[in-house]
């Protein structure tokens, strides 16, 4: 599985060890008032509806049903927090770009996400998931703008990469990097993953372990 991010054997092992822990659901927040106290170090996962956030979280943690998966767009309507016995907390964000949701619900999601991104001092990075078969779309741009305005470190993770030929995937990675070049809060490396076949999961675990190590110093 091609990836634009490189990690040492020690970092790969650190990522593996981090995610062999027992992960469990911690809490859910549907409004700014219900956000949990700022403890630990959070990494969040954002992306269009049905991009594969829940499947990726399950693959990372080795738990088939930790995060709920669904073929119904917009099912995740809250910020869902998962944790283990480490300082790391995983956050599954509501999928965006699903226009069929009621307008008040979309407004509430937008307000919640804006509050979370702007005022979460322990948020180390947002991984923005993008379907490798399609690349960045117009529906991804508002989230990237939110992240840039809030000066939140973010990184693109390509999902479903096993469905894209190797040459085309390399081109997609290059095109995505070029699109992010003018976004100072965007981390330049792209990680291509497949929750179904496990490609890139070790690298994503290593990236998170590296981030945890850096923030813990």
N, C-alpha and C. Protein backbone atom coordinates (compact mmCIF):
# COMPACT_ATOMS: atom_id res chain seq x y z
N UNK A 1 0.84 -1.18 0.00
CA UNK A 1 0.00 0.00 0.00
C UNK A 1 0.88 1.24 0.00
N UNK A 2 0.86 2.07 -1.05
CA UNK A 2 1.69 3.26 -1.10
C UNK A 2 1.30 4.25 -0.02
N UNK A 3 2.24 4.92 0.53
CA UNK A 3 1.99 5.96 1.51
C UNK A 3 3.07 7.02 1.38
N UNK A 4 2.68 8.27 1.59
CA UNK A 4 3.65 9.36 1.51
C UNK A 4 4.31 9.61 2.86
N UNK A 5 3.89 8.89 3.88
CA UNK A 5 4.49 9.06 5.20
C UNK A 5 5.42 7.90 5.50
N UNK A 6 6.57 8.18 6.11
CA UNK A 6 7.55 7.14 6.42
C UNK A 6 7.78 7.07 7.92
N UNK A 7 7.93 5.86 8.43
CA UNK A 7 8.10 5.66 9.86
C UNK A 7 9.17 4.59 10.09
N UNK A 8 9.87 4.74 11.22
CA UNK A 8 10.90 3.76 11.57
C UNK A 8 10.22 2.51 12.14
N UNK A 9 11.01 1.45 12.24
CA UNK A 9 10.50 0.21 12.81
C UNK A 9 10.05 0.43 14.26
N UNK A 10 10.79 1.27 14.99
CA UNK A 10 10.42 1.57 16.37
C UNK A 10 9.08 2.30 16.45
N UNK A 11 8.85 3.21 15.51
CA UNK A 11 7.58 3.95 15.51
C UNK A 11 6.42 3.03 15.14
N UNK A 12 6.66 2.14 14.21
CA UNK A 12 5.61 1.16 13.84
C UNK A 12 5.27 0.30 15.05
N UNK A 13 6.29 -0.12 15.80
CA UNK A 13 6.05 -0.94 16.98
C UNK A 13 5.33 -0.14 18.06
N UNK A 14 5.69 1.12 18.23
CA UNK A 14 5.02 1.97 19.21
C UNK A 14 3.54 2.12 18.87
N UNK A 15 3.25 2.26 17.59
CA UNK A 15 1.86 2.36 17.15
C UNK A 15 1.09 1.07 17.40
N UNK A 16 1.75 -0.05 17.12
CA UNK A 16 1.11 -1.36 17.35
C UNK A 16 0.79 -1.53 18.83
N UNK A 17 1.77 -1.21 19.69
CA UNK A 17 1.58 -1.37 21.13
C UNK A 17 0.47 -0.46 21.66
N UNK A 18 0.41 0.75 21.12
CA UNK A 18 -0.60 1.71 21.57
C UNK A 18 -2.01 1.19 21.32
N UNK A 19 -2.19 0.53 20.20
CA UNK A 19 -3.53 0.10 19.82
C UNK A 19 -3.84 -1.35 20.17
N UNK A 20 -2.93 -2.01 20.90
CA UNK A 20 -3.28 -3.32 21.44
C UNK A 20 -3.98 -3.18 22.79
N UNK A 21 -4.09 -1.96 23.26
CA UNK A 21 -4.81 -1.69 24.51
C UNK A 21 -6.30 -2.02 24.35
N UNK A 22 -6.98 -2.10 25.46
CA UNK A 22 -8.42 -2.35 25.44
C UNK A 22 -9.15 -1.02 25.26
N UNK A 23 -9.71 -0.81 24.08
CA UNK A 23 -10.40 0.44 23.77
C UNK A 23 -11.90 0.29 24.05
N UNK A 24 -12.50 1.38 24.52
CA UNK A 24 -13.93 1.32 24.83
C UNK A 24 -14.58 2.69 24.60
N UNK A 25 -15.90 2.67 24.45
CA UNK A 25 -16.67 3.90 24.35
C UNK A 25 -16.56 4.67 25.66
N UNK A 26 -16.34 5.98 25.57
CA UNK A 26 -16.23 6.81 26.77
C UNK A 26 -17.46 7.68 26.96
N UNK A 27 -17.77 8.52 25.97
CA UNK A 27 -18.93 9.39 26.08
C UNK A 27 -19.30 9.92 24.70
N UNK A 28 -20.46 10.55 24.63
CA UNK A 28 -20.91 11.18 23.39
C UNK A 28 -21.37 12.59 23.72
N UNK A 29 -21.10 13.52 22.82
CA UNK A 29 -21.49 14.92 23.03
C UNK A 29 -22.28 15.42 21.84
N UNK A 30 -23.50 15.85 22.10
CA UNK A 30 -24.34 16.36 21.02
C UNK A 30 -24.43 17.87 21.02
N UNK A 31 -23.78 18.50 22.01
CA UNK A 31 -23.78 19.96 22.10
C UNK A 31 -22.51 20.40 22.79
N UNK A 32 -22.19 21.68 22.67
CA UNK A 32 -20.98 22.20 23.31
C UNK A 32 -21.05 22.02 24.83
N UNK A 33 -22.25 22.16 25.38
CA UNK A 33 -22.41 22.04 26.83
C UNK A 33 -22.12 20.64 27.34
N UNK A 34 -22.27 19.64 26.46
CA UNK A 34 -22.08 18.25 26.89
C UNK A 34 -20.69 17.71 26.57
N UNK A 35 -19.80 18.57 26.06
CA UNK A 35 -18.44 18.12 25.80
C UNK A 35 -17.76 17.72 27.11
N UNK A 36 -17.01 16.62 27.11
CA UNK A 36 -16.32 16.21 28.34
C UNK A 36 -15.19 17.16 28.69
N UNK A 37 -14.74 17.08 29.93
CA UNK A 37 -13.62 17.92 30.38
C UNK A 37 -12.39 17.64 29.53
N UNK A 38 -11.54 18.65 29.37
CA UNK A 38 -10.34 18.52 28.55
C UNK A 38 -9.28 17.72 29.32
N UNK A 39 -9.25 16.43 29.07
CA UNK A 39 -8.25 15.57 29.69
C UNK A 39 -7.59 14.73 28.62
N UNK A 40 -6.33 14.39 28.81
CA UNK A 40 -5.63 13.55 27.85
C UNK A 40 -5.32 14.30 26.56
N UNK A 41 -4.99 13.53 25.54
CA UNK A 41 -4.65 14.09 24.23
C UNK A 41 -5.60 13.48 23.20
N UNK A 42 -6.31 14.35 22.51
CA UNK A 42 -7.33 13.88 21.58
C UNK A 42 -6.85 13.95 20.13
N UNK A 43 -7.21 12.94 19.35
CA UNK A 43 -7.10 13.00 17.90
C UNK A 43 -8.50 12.68 17.37
N UNK A 44 -8.94 13.47 16.41
CA UNK A 44 -10.30 13.33 15.89
C UNK A 44 -10.29 12.89 14.44
N UNK A 45 -11.39 12.28 14.02
CA UNK A 45 -11.53 11.78 12.66
C UNK A 45 -12.76 12.43 12.04
N UNK A 46 -12.52 13.16 10.95
CA UNK A 46 -13.59 13.87 10.25
C UNK A 46 -13.66 13.35 8.82
N UNK A 47 -14.77 13.60 8.15
CA UNK A 47 -14.88 13.18 6.76
C UNK A 47 -16.32 13.21 6.29
N UNK A 48 -16.50 13.14 4.98
CA UNK A 48 -17.84 13.08 4.42
C UNK A 48 -18.59 11.86 4.94
N UNK A 49 -19.90 11.95 4.95
CA UNK A 49 -20.72 10.82 5.36
C UNK A 49 -20.37 9.59 4.53
N UNK A 50 -20.23 8.46 5.19
CA UNK A 50 -19.92 7.18 4.54
C UNK A 50 -18.52 7.10 3.95
N UNK A 51 -17.59 7.94 4.43
CA UNK A 51 -16.22 7.85 3.93
C UNK A 51 -15.46 6.70 4.60
N UNK A 52 -16.01 6.19 5.70
CA UNK A 52 -15.38 5.05 6.36
C UNK A 52 -14.73 5.37 7.68
N UNK A 53 -15.21 6.42 8.39
CA UNK A 53 -14.60 6.78 9.67
C UNK A 53 -14.72 5.66 10.70
N UNK A 54 -15.93 5.16 10.86
CA UNK A 54 -16.14 4.12 11.88
C UNK A 54 -15.35 2.86 11.55
N UNK A 55 -15.32 2.48 10.28
CA UNK A 55 -14.55 1.29 9.88
C UNK A 55 -13.07 1.48 10.16
N UNK A 56 -12.56 2.70 9.93
CA UNK A 56 -11.15 2.96 10.17
C UNK A 56 -10.83 2.92 11.66
N UNK A 57 -11.69 3.49 12.49
CA UNK A 57 -11.48 3.45 13.93
C UNK A 57 -11.49 2.00 14.42
N UNK A 58 -12.39 1.20 13.90
CA UNK A 58 -12.44 -0.22 14.27
C UNK A 58 -11.15 -0.93 13.85
N UNK A 59 -10.66 -0.62 12.66
CA UNK A 59 -9.42 -1.25 12.18
C UNK A 59 -8.23 -0.83 13.03
N UNK A 60 -8.17 0.44 13.40
CA UNK A 60 -7.07 0.94 14.23
C UNK A 60 -7.01 0.22 15.57
N UNK A 61 -8.17 0.06 16.18
CA UNK A 61 -8.24 -0.49 17.53
C UNK A 61 -8.36 -2.00 17.56
N UNK A 62 -8.54 -2.61 16.38
CA UNK A 62 -8.70 -4.06 16.33
C UNK A 62 -10.01 -4.52 16.92
N UNK A 63 -11.00 -3.63 16.97
CA UNK A 63 -12.32 -3.95 17.52
C UNK A 63 -13.34 -3.81 16.40
N UNK A 64 -14.02 -4.88 16.07
CA UNK A 64 -14.94 -4.86 14.93
C UNK A 64 -16.17 -3.99 15.15
N UNK A 65 -16.56 -3.81 16.40
CA UNK A 65 -17.81 -3.09 16.66
C UNK A 65 -17.64 -1.93 17.64
N UNK A 66 -16.40 -1.46 17.83
CA UNK A 66 -16.20 -0.34 18.75
C UNK A 66 -16.98 0.89 18.26
N UNK A 67 -16.74 1.26 17.01
CA UNK A 67 -17.48 2.36 16.39
C UNK A 67 -18.56 1.76 15.50
N UNK A 68 -19.74 2.29 15.58
CA UNK A 68 -20.84 1.76 14.77
C UNK A 68 -20.62 2.10 13.30
N UNK A 69 -20.84 1.13 12.44
CA UNK A 69 -20.77 1.37 11.00
C UNK A 69 -22.17 1.26 10.43
N UNK A 70 -22.42 2.03 9.39
CA UNK A 70 -23.75 2.04 8.79
C UNK A 70 -23.66 2.47 7.34
N UNK A 71 -24.59 1.96 6.53
CA UNK A 71 -24.70 2.41 5.15
C UNK A 71 -25.61 3.62 5.04
N UNK A 72 -26.14 4.07 6.17
CA UNK A 72 -27.04 5.22 6.19
C UNK A 72 -26.25 6.49 6.44
N UNK A 73 -26.16 7.40 5.45
CA UNK A 73 -25.40 8.64 5.65
C UNK A 73 -25.94 9.45 6.81
N UNK A 74 -25.01 10.06 7.57
CA UNK A 74 -25.42 10.96 8.64
C UNK A 74 -25.82 10.29 9.93
N UNK A 75 -25.52 9.00 10.07
CA UNK A 75 -25.95 8.31 11.29
C UNK A 75 -25.23 8.85 12.53
N UNK A 76 -23.92 9.10 12.41
CA UNK A 76 -23.19 9.67 13.55
C UNK A 76 -23.56 11.14 13.68
N UNK A 77 -24.31 11.47 14.73
CA UNK A 77 -24.81 12.83 14.90
C UNK A 77 -24.21 13.53 16.12
N UNK A 78 -23.23 12.90 16.74
CA UNK A 78 -22.59 13.46 17.90
C UNK A 78 -21.08 13.28 17.78
N UNK A 79 -20.34 13.93 18.65
CA UNK A 79 -18.92 13.63 18.80
C UNK A 79 -18.83 12.42 19.73
N UNK A 80 -18.23 11.34 19.23
CA UNK A 80 -18.14 10.10 19.99
C UNK A 80 -16.70 9.94 20.47
N UNK A 81 -16.51 9.76 21.78
CA UNK A 81 -15.19 9.68 22.38
C UNK A 81 -14.89 8.23 22.79
N UNK A 82 -13.68 7.76 22.41
CA UNK A 82 -13.22 6.42 22.78
C UNK A 82 -11.89 6.56 23.51
N UNK A 83 -11.65 5.70 24.49
CA UNK A 83 -10.37 5.78 25.18
C UNK A 83 -9.93 4.40 25.66
N UNK A 84 -8.66 4.35 26.08
CA UNK A 84 -8.09 3.14 26.67
C UNK A 84 -7.48 3.55 28.00
N UNK A 85 -6.42 2.85 28.43
CA UNK A 85 -5.76 3.24 29.68
C UNK A 85 -4.57 4.15 29.44
N UNK A 86 -4.48 4.76 28.26
CA UNK A 86 -3.41 5.71 27.95
C UNK A 86 -3.98 7.12 27.94
N UNK A 87 -3.14 8.10 27.64
CA UNK A 87 -3.58 9.50 27.58
C UNK A 87 -4.35 9.79 26.29
N UNK A 88 -4.31 8.86 25.33
CA UNK A 88 -4.90 9.10 24.02
C UNK A 88 -6.42 8.90 24.04
N UNK A 89 -7.13 9.83 23.39
CA UNK A 89 -8.58 9.73 23.22
C UNK A 89 -8.88 9.89 21.73
N UNK A 90 -9.67 8.97 21.19
CA UNK A 90 -10.09 9.03 19.79
C UNK A 90 -11.48 9.63 19.71
N UNK A 91 -11.68 10.52 18.74
CA UNK A 91 -12.97 11.20 18.61
C UNK A 91 -13.52 11.01 17.20
N UNK A 92 -14.70 10.42 17.12
CA UNK A 92 -15.39 10.22 15.84
C UNK A 92 -16.34 11.39 15.65
N UNK A 93 -16.09 12.23 14.64
CA UNK A 93 -16.90 13.41 14.40
C UNK A 93 -18.06 13.10 13.46
N UNK A 94 -19.15 13.88 13.54
CA UNK A 94 -20.27 13.66 12.62
C UNK A 94 -19.84 13.81 11.16
N UNK A 95 -20.34 12.95 10.31
CA UNK A 95 -20.03 13.07 8.89
C UNK A 95 -20.65 14.34 8.31
N UNK A 96 -19.98 14.93 7.36
CA UNK A 96 -20.51 16.15 6.75
C UNK A 96 -20.85 15.91 5.28
N UNK A 97 -21.53 16.89 4.69
CA UNK A 97 -21.87 16.79 3.27
C UNK A 97 -23.13 16.02 2.99
N UNK A 98 -23.93 15.72 4.02
CA UNK A 98 -25.17 14.98 3.81
C UNK A 98 -26.33 15.97 3.82
N UNK A 99 -26.70 16.47 2.65
CA UNK A 99 -27.66 17.57 2.53
C UNK A 99 -29.08 17.18 2.93
N UNK A 100 -29.39 15.88 2.97
CA UNK A 100 -30.76 15.45 3.26
C UNK A 100 -31.11 15.56 4.74
N UNK A 101 -30.13 15.82 5.59
CA UNK A 101 -30.43 15.98 7.01
C UNK A 101 -31.23 17.25 7.22
N UNK A 102 -32.09 17.28 8.25
CA UNK A 102 -32.87 18.49 8.53
C UNK A 102 -31.95 19.69 8.78
N UNK A 103 -32.35 20.86 8.28
CA UNK A 103 -31.50 22.05 8.41
C UNK A 103 -31.17 22.39 9.86
N UNK A 104 -32.11 22.26 10.81
CA UNK A 104 -31.74 22.54 12.20
C UNK A 104 -30.66 21.59 12.72
N UNK A 105 -30.72 20.33 12.26
CA UNK A 105 -29.71 19.36 12.69
C UNK A 105 -28.35 19.73 12.11
N UNK A 106 -28.30 20.10 10.84
CA UNK A 106 -27.05 20.51 10.21
C UNK A 106 -26.48 21.74 10.92
N UNK A 107 -27.35 22.68 11.27
CA UNK A 107 -26.91 23.88 11.99
C UNK A 107 -26.33 23.52 13.35
N UNK A 108 -26.98 22.57 14.03
CA UNK A 108 -26.50 22.15 15.35
C UNK A 108 -25.15 21.46 15.23
N UNK A 109 -24.99 20.57 14.22
CA UNK A 109 -23.71 19.89 14.01
C UNK A 109 -22.62 20.91 13.76
N UNK A 110 -22.92 21.89 12.89
CA UNK A 110 -21.93 22.90 12.52
C UNK A 110 -21.48 23.70 13.75
N UNK A 111 -22.43 24.08 14.60
CA UNK A 111 -22.09 24.84 15.80
C UNK A 111 -21.25 24.00 16.76
N UNK A 112 -21.60 22.72 16.90
CA UNK A 112 -20.85 21.83 17.78
C UNK A 112 -19.42 21.66 17.29
N UNK A 113 -19.26 21.39 15.99
CA UNK A 113 -17.93 21.18 15.44
C UNK A 113 -17.09 22.46 15.54
N UNK A 114 -17.72 23.61 15.28
CA UNK A 114 -16.99 24.87 15.37
C UNK A 114 -16.49 25.11 16.80
N UNK A 115 -17.36 24.86 17.78
CA UNK A 115 -16.98 25.03 19.18
C UNK A 115 -15.86 24.07 19.54
N UNK A 116 -15.97 22.82 19.09
CA UNK A 116 -14.97 21.82 19.41
C UNK A 116 -13.61 22.19 18.82
N UNK A 117 -13.57 22.59 17.58
CA UNK A 117 -12.30 22.89 16.93
C UNK A 117 -11.64 24.14 17.50
N UNK A 118 -12.42 25.13 17.87
CA UNK A 118 -11.84 26.39 18.31
C UNK A 118 -11.42 26.40 19.78
N UNK A 119 -11.99 25.54 20.58
CA UNK A 119 -11.78 25.65 22.01
C UNK A 119 -11.30 24.36 22.67
N UNK A 120 -10.73 23.46 21.88
CA UNK A 120 -10.27 22.19 22.45
C UNK A 120 -8.75 22.20 22.50
N UNK A 121 -8.19 22.70 23.57
CA UNK A 121 -6.74 22.88 23.66
C UNK A 121 -5.99 21.55 23.66
N UNK A 122 -6.65 20.47 24.01
CA UNK A 122 -5.98 19.16 24.03
C UNK A 122 -6.18 18.38 22.74
N UNK A 123 -6.74 19.03 21.73
CA UNK A 123 -6.91 18.39 20.41
C UNK A 123 -5.60 18.50 19.64
N UNK A 124 -4.93 17.36 19.46
CA UNK A 124 -3.61 17.38 18.83
C UNK A 124 -3.69 17.41 17.31
N UNK A 125 -4.65 16.72 16.74
CA UNK A 125 -4.77 16.70 15.27
C UNK A 125 -6.13 16.17 14.85
N UNK A 126 -6.60 16.65 13.72
CA UNK A 126 -7.80 16.10 13.10
C UNK A 126 -7.36 15.37 11.83
N UNK A 127 -7.69 14.11 11.75
CA UNK A 127 -7.44 13.34 10.54
C UNK A 127 -8.68 13.45 9.65
N UNK A 128 -8.51 14.07 8.49
CA UNK A 128 -9.62 14.26 7.57
C UNK A 128 -9.61 13.11 6.57
N UNK A 129 -10.63 12.28 6.62
CA UNK A 129 -10.69 11.11 5.76
C UNK A 129 -11.29 11.47 4.41
N UNK A 130 -10.63 11.01 3.37
CA UNK A 130 -11.05 11.28 1.99
C UNK A 130 -11.06 9.96 1.22
N UNK A 131 -12.13 9.69 0.54
CA UNK A 131 -12.25 8.47 -0.26
C UNK A 131 -11.22 8.50 -1.39
N UNK A 132 -10.30 7.55 -1.40
CA UNK A 132 -9.22 7.52 -2.40
C UNK A 132 -9.75 7.40 -3.82
N UNK A 133 -10.94 6.86 -3.98
CA UNK A 133 -11.51 6.69 -5.32
C UNK A 133 -11.93 8.02 -5.94
N UNK A 134 -12.16 9.03 -5.10
CA UNK A 134 -12.68 10.30 -5.60
C UNK A 134 -11.79 11.50 -5.28
N UNK A 135 -10.95 11.40 -4.26
CA UNK A 135 -10.11 12.52 -3.87
C UNK A 135 -10.90 13.62 -3.19
N UNK A 136 -10.24 14.75 -2.97
CA UNK A 136 -10.90 15.89 -2.33
C UNK A 136 -12.07 16.37 -3.17
N UNK A 137 -13.18 16.70 -2.50
CA UNK A 137 -14.36 17.21 -3.18
C UNK A 137 -14.74 18.57 -2.59
N UNK A 138 -15.67 19.24 -3.26
CA UNK A 138 -16.11 20.55 -2.78
C UNK A 138 -16.67 20.46 -1.37
N UNK A 139 -17.30 19.32 -1.03
CA UNK A 139 -17.88 19.17 0.30
C UNK A 139 -16.82 19.07 1.40
N UNK A 140 -15.56 18.80 1.02
CA UNK A 140 -14.48 18.76 2.01
C UNK A 140 -13.97 20.16 2.35
N UNK A 141 -14.19 21.11 1.46
CA UNK A 141 -13.57 22.43 1.63
C UNK A 141 -14.04 23.18 2.87
N UNK A 142 -15.35 23.18 3.22
CA UNK A 142 -15.74 23.89 4.45
C UNK A 142 -15.04 23.35 5.69
N UNK A 143 -14.85 22.03 5.78
CA UNK A 143 -14.15 21.48 6.93
C UNK A 143 -12.69 21.93 6.94
N UNK A 144 -12.04 21.89 5.78
CA UNK A 144 -10.66 22.35 5.71
C UNK A 144 -10.54 23.83 6.07
N UNK A 145 -11.54 24.62 5.66
CA UNK A 145 -11.55 26.04 6.02
C UNK A 145 -11.72 26.22 7.53
N UNK A 146 -12.63 25.44 8.12
CA UNK A 146 -12.83 25.48 9.57
C UNK A 146 -11.52 25.18 10.29
N UNK A 147 -10.84 24.13 9.85
CA UNK A 147 -9.60 23.71 10.49
C UNK A 147 -8.52 24.78 10.35
N UNK A 148 -8.44 25.37 9.16
CA UNK A 148 -7.45 26.42 8.93
C UNK A 148 -7.72 27.65 9.78
N UNK A 149 -8.97 28.07 9.84
CA UNK A 149 -9.32 29.26 10.62
C UNK A 149 -9.09 29.04 12.11
N UNK A 150 -9.31 27.79 12.56
CA UNK A 150 -9.10 27.48 13.97
C UNK A 150 -7.64 27.13 14.26
N UNK A 151 -6.79 27.10 13.21
CA UNK A 151 -5.37 26.77 13.34
C UNK A 151 -5.17 25.41 14.00
N UNK A 152 -6.01 24.45 13.62
CA UNK A 152 -5.91 23.09 14.15
C UNK A 152 -5.11 22.23 13.17
N UNK A 153 -4.08 21.57 13.67
CA UNK A 153 -3.29 20.68 12.83
C UNK A 153 -4.20 19.60 12.26
N UNK A 154 -4.09 19.37 10.95
CA UNK A 154 -4.92 18.34 10.33
C UNK A 154 -4.13 17.62 9.24
N UNK A 155 -4.53 16.40 8.98
CA UNK A 155 -3.82 15.53 8.05
C UNK A 155 -4.83 14.71 7.27
N UNK A 156 -4.58 14.56 5.97
CA UNK A 156 -5.48 13.78 5.12
C UNK A 156 -5.12 12.30 5.20
N UNK A 157 -6.15 11.49 5.39
CA UNK A 157 -6.03 10.04 5.33
C UNK A 157 -6.94 9.55 4.21
N UNK A 158 -6.36 8.90 3.21
CA UNK A 158 -7.15 8.34 2.13
C UNK A 158 -7.71 6.99 2.57
N UNK A 159 -9.00 6.80 2.41
CA UNK A 159 -9.64 5.53 2.75
C UNK A 159 -9.96 4.74 1.49
N UNK A 160 -10.25 3.45 1.68
CA UNK A 160 -10.66 2.56 0.59
C UNK A 160 -9.62 2.53 -0.53
N UNK A 161 -8.34 2.64 -0.14
CA UNK A 161 -7.26 2.73 -1.12
C UNK A 161 -7.05 1.42 -1.88
N UNK A 162 -7.54 0.31 -1.33
CA UNK A 162 -7.40 -0.96 -2.02
C UNK A 162 -8.23 -1.02 -3.30
N UNK A 163 -9.15 -0.06 -3.45
CA UNK A 163 -10.01 -0.02 -4.64
C UNK A 163 -9.41 0.82 -5.77
N UNK A 164 -8.18 1.35 -5.54
CA UNK A 164 -7.55 2.24 -6.52
C UNK A 164 -6.24 1.62 -7.00
N UNK A 165 -6.01 1.54 -8.31
CA UNK A 165 -4.74 1.02 -8.81
C UNK A 165 -3.55 1.81 -8.27
N UNK A 166 -2.40 1.15 -8.13
CA UNK A 166 -1.22 1.75 -7.50
C UNK A 166 -0.80 3.06 -8.13
N UNK A 167 -0.73 3.11 -9.46
CA UNK A 167 -0.31 4.34 -10.14
C UNK A 167 -1.31 5.46 -9.88
N UNK A 168 -2.58 5.14 -9.98
CA UNK A 168 -3.61 6.16 -9.76
C UNK A 168 -3.58 6.64 -8.30
N UNK A 169 -3.30 5.74 -7.37
CA UNK A 169 -3.23 6.13 -5.96
C UNK A 169 -2.07 7.09 -5.72
N UNK A 170 -0.93 6.83 -6.35
CA UNK A 170 0.22 7.73 -6.22
C UNK A 170 -0.12 9.11 -6.77
N UNK A 171 -0.85 9.14 -7.87
CA UNK A 171 -1.27 10.41 -8.45
C UNK A 171 -2.24 11.13 -7.53
N UNK A 172 -3.13 10.37 -6.90
CA UNK A 172 -4.11 10.96 -5.98
C UNK A 172 -3.41 11.56 -4.77
N UNK A 173 -2.39 10.88 -4.26
CA UNK A 173 -1.61 11.39 -3.13
C UNK A 173 -0.92 12.70 -3.52
N UNK A 174 -0.30 12.72 -4.69
CA UNK A 174 0.40 13.92 -5.15
C UNK A 174 -0.57 15.09 -5.34
N UNK A 175 -1.74 14.81 -5.92
CA UNK A 175 -2.73 15.85 -6.16
C UNK A 175 -3.26 16.41 -4.84
N UNK A 176 -3.42 15.54 -3.86
CA UNK A 176 -3.91 15.98 -2.55
C UNK A 176 -2.88 16.84 -1.85
N UNK A 177 -1.62 16.45 -1.93
CA UNK A 177 -0.55 17.25 -1.34
C UNK A 177 -0.49 18.63 -1.98
N UNK A 178 -0.65 18.69 -3.29
CA UNK A 178 -0.62 19.97 -3.99
C UNK A 178 -1.77 20.86 -3.55
N UNK A 179 -2.94 20.25 -3.33
CA UNK A 179 -4.12 21.02 -2.91
C UNK A 179 -3.96 21.58 -1.50
N UNK A 180 -3.13 20.93 -0.69
CA UNK A 180 -2.94 21.36 0.69
C UNK A 180 -1.76 22.31 0.87
N UNK A 181 -1.00 22.52 -0.18
CA UNK A 181 0.27 23.26 -0.08
C UNK A 181 0.10 24.66 0.51
N UNK A 182 -1.04 25.28 0.27
CA UNK A 182 -1.25 26.65 0.74
C UNK A 182 -2.00 26.71 2.06
N UNK A 183 -2.13 25.58 2.70
CA UNK A 183 -2.84 25.52 3.99
C UNK A 183 -1.81 25.26 5.09
N UNK A 184 -1.39 26.29 5.83
CA UNK A 184 -0.30 26.14 6.81
C UNK A 184 -0.60 25.17 7.94
N UNK A 185 -1.88 24.95 8.28
CA UNK A 185 -2.20 24.05 9.38
C UNK A 185 -2.29 22.59 8.92
N UNK A 186 -2.19 22.39 7.59
CA UNK A 186 -2.31 21.03 7.05
C UNK A 186 -0.97 20.31 7.11
N UNK A 187 -0.95 19.12 7.70
CA UNK A 187 0.26 18.30 7.75
C UNK A 187 0.51 17.76 6.36
N UNK A 188 1.73 17.86 5.82
CA UNK A 188 1.96 17.55 4.41
C UNK A 188 1.87 16.08 4.02
N UNK A 189 2.15 15.16 4.95
CA UNK A 189 2.14 13.74 4.58
C UNK A 189 0.73 13.19 4.47
N UNK A 190 0.53 12.37 3.46
CA UNK A 190 -0.76 11.71 3.24
C UNK A 190 -0.59 10.23 3.57
N UNK A 191 -1.57 9.67 4.28
CA UNK A 191 -1.52 8.24 4.59
C UNK A 191 -2.67 7.55 3.87
N UNK A 192 -2.35 6.58 3.04
CA UNK A 192 -3.36 5.81 2.30
C UNK A 192 -3.68 4.54 3.07
N UNK A 193 -4.96 4.31 3.31
CA UNK A 193 -5.37 3.19 4.15
C UNK A 193 -6.45 2.34 3.49
N UNK A 194 -6.58 1.13 3.99
CA UNK A 194 -7.70 0.25 3.65
C UNK A 194 -8.13 -0.45 4.92
N UNK A 195 -9.28 -0.08 5.46
CA UNK A 195 -9.79 -0.74 6.67
C UNK A 195 -10.11 -2.21 6.37
N UNK A 196 -10.49 -2.48 5.14
CA UNK A 196 -10.88 -3.85 4.77
C UNK A 196 -9.69 -4.79 4.69
N UNK A 197 -8.57 -4.31 4.12
CA UNK A 197 -7.41 -5.17 3.94
C UNK A 197 -6.25 -4.85 4.88
N UNK A 198 -6.37 -3.78 5.64
CA UNK A 198 -5.33 -3.45 6.63
C UNK A 198 -4.21 -2.59 6.10
N UNK A 199 -4.24 -2.21 4.85
CA UNK A 199 -3.18 -1.39 4.28
C UNK A 199 -3.13 -0.02 4.94
N UNK A 200 -1.93 0.42 5.31
CA UNK A 200 -1.74 1.75 5.88
C UNK A 200 -2.14 1.89 7.33
N UNK A 201 -2.74 0.86 7.91
CA UNK A 201 -3.18 0.95 9.30
C UNK A 201 -1.97 1.06 10.24
N UNK A 202 -0.92 0.29 9.98
CA UNK A 202 0.29 0.37 10.82
C UNK A 202 0.89 1.76 10.76
N UNK A 203 0.89 2.38 9.56
CA UNK A 203 1.45 3.73 9.42
C UNK A 203 0.60 4.76 10.16
N UNK A 204 -0.71 4.64 10.09
CA UNK A 204 -1.58 5.58 10.79
C UNK A 204 -1.42 5.42 12.30
N UNK A 205 -1.32 4.18 12.76
CA UNK A 205 -1.06 3.96 14.19
C UNK A 205 0.26 4.62 14.60
N UNK A 206 1.28 4.46 13.77
CA UNK A 206 2.59 5.05 14.07
C UNK A 206 2.52 6.56 14.09
N UNK A 207 1.76 7.15 13.17
CA UNK A 207 1.61 8.61 13.14
C UNK A 207 0.97 9.11 14.42
N UNK A 208 -0.03 8.39 14.91
CA UNK A 208 -0.72 8.78 16.14
C UNK A 208 0.20 8.59 17.34
N UNK A 209 0.95 7.49 17.36
CA UNK A 209 1.90 7.25 18.46
C UNK A 209 2.97 8.33 18.48
N UNK A 210 3.45 8.74 17.32
CA UNK A 210 4.46 9.81 17.25
C UNK A 210 3.88 11.11 17.79
N UNK A 211 2.66 11.40 17.40
CA UNK A 211 1.99 12.62 17.86
C UNK A 211 1.79 12.60 19.37
N UNK A 212 1.39 11.46 19.89
CA UNK A 212 1.20 11.32 21.34
C UNK A 212 2.51 11.54 22.08
N UNK A 213 3.58 10.98 21.53
CA UNK A 213 4.91 11.14 22.15
C UNK A 213 5.34 12.60 22.16
N UNK A 214 5.11 13.28 21.04
CA UNK A 214 5.50 14.69 20.93
C UNK A 214 4.71 15.57 21.91
N UNK A 215 3.42 15.31 22.02
CA UNK A 215 2.58 16.13 22.89
C UNK A 215 2.77 15.81 24.37
N UNK A 216 3.34 14.64 24.67
CA UNK A 216 3.52 14.23 26.06
C UNK A 216 4.82 14.73 26.66
N UNK A 217 5.70 15.28 25.83
CA UNK A 217 7.01 15.70 26.30
C UNK A 217 6.89 16.95 27.18
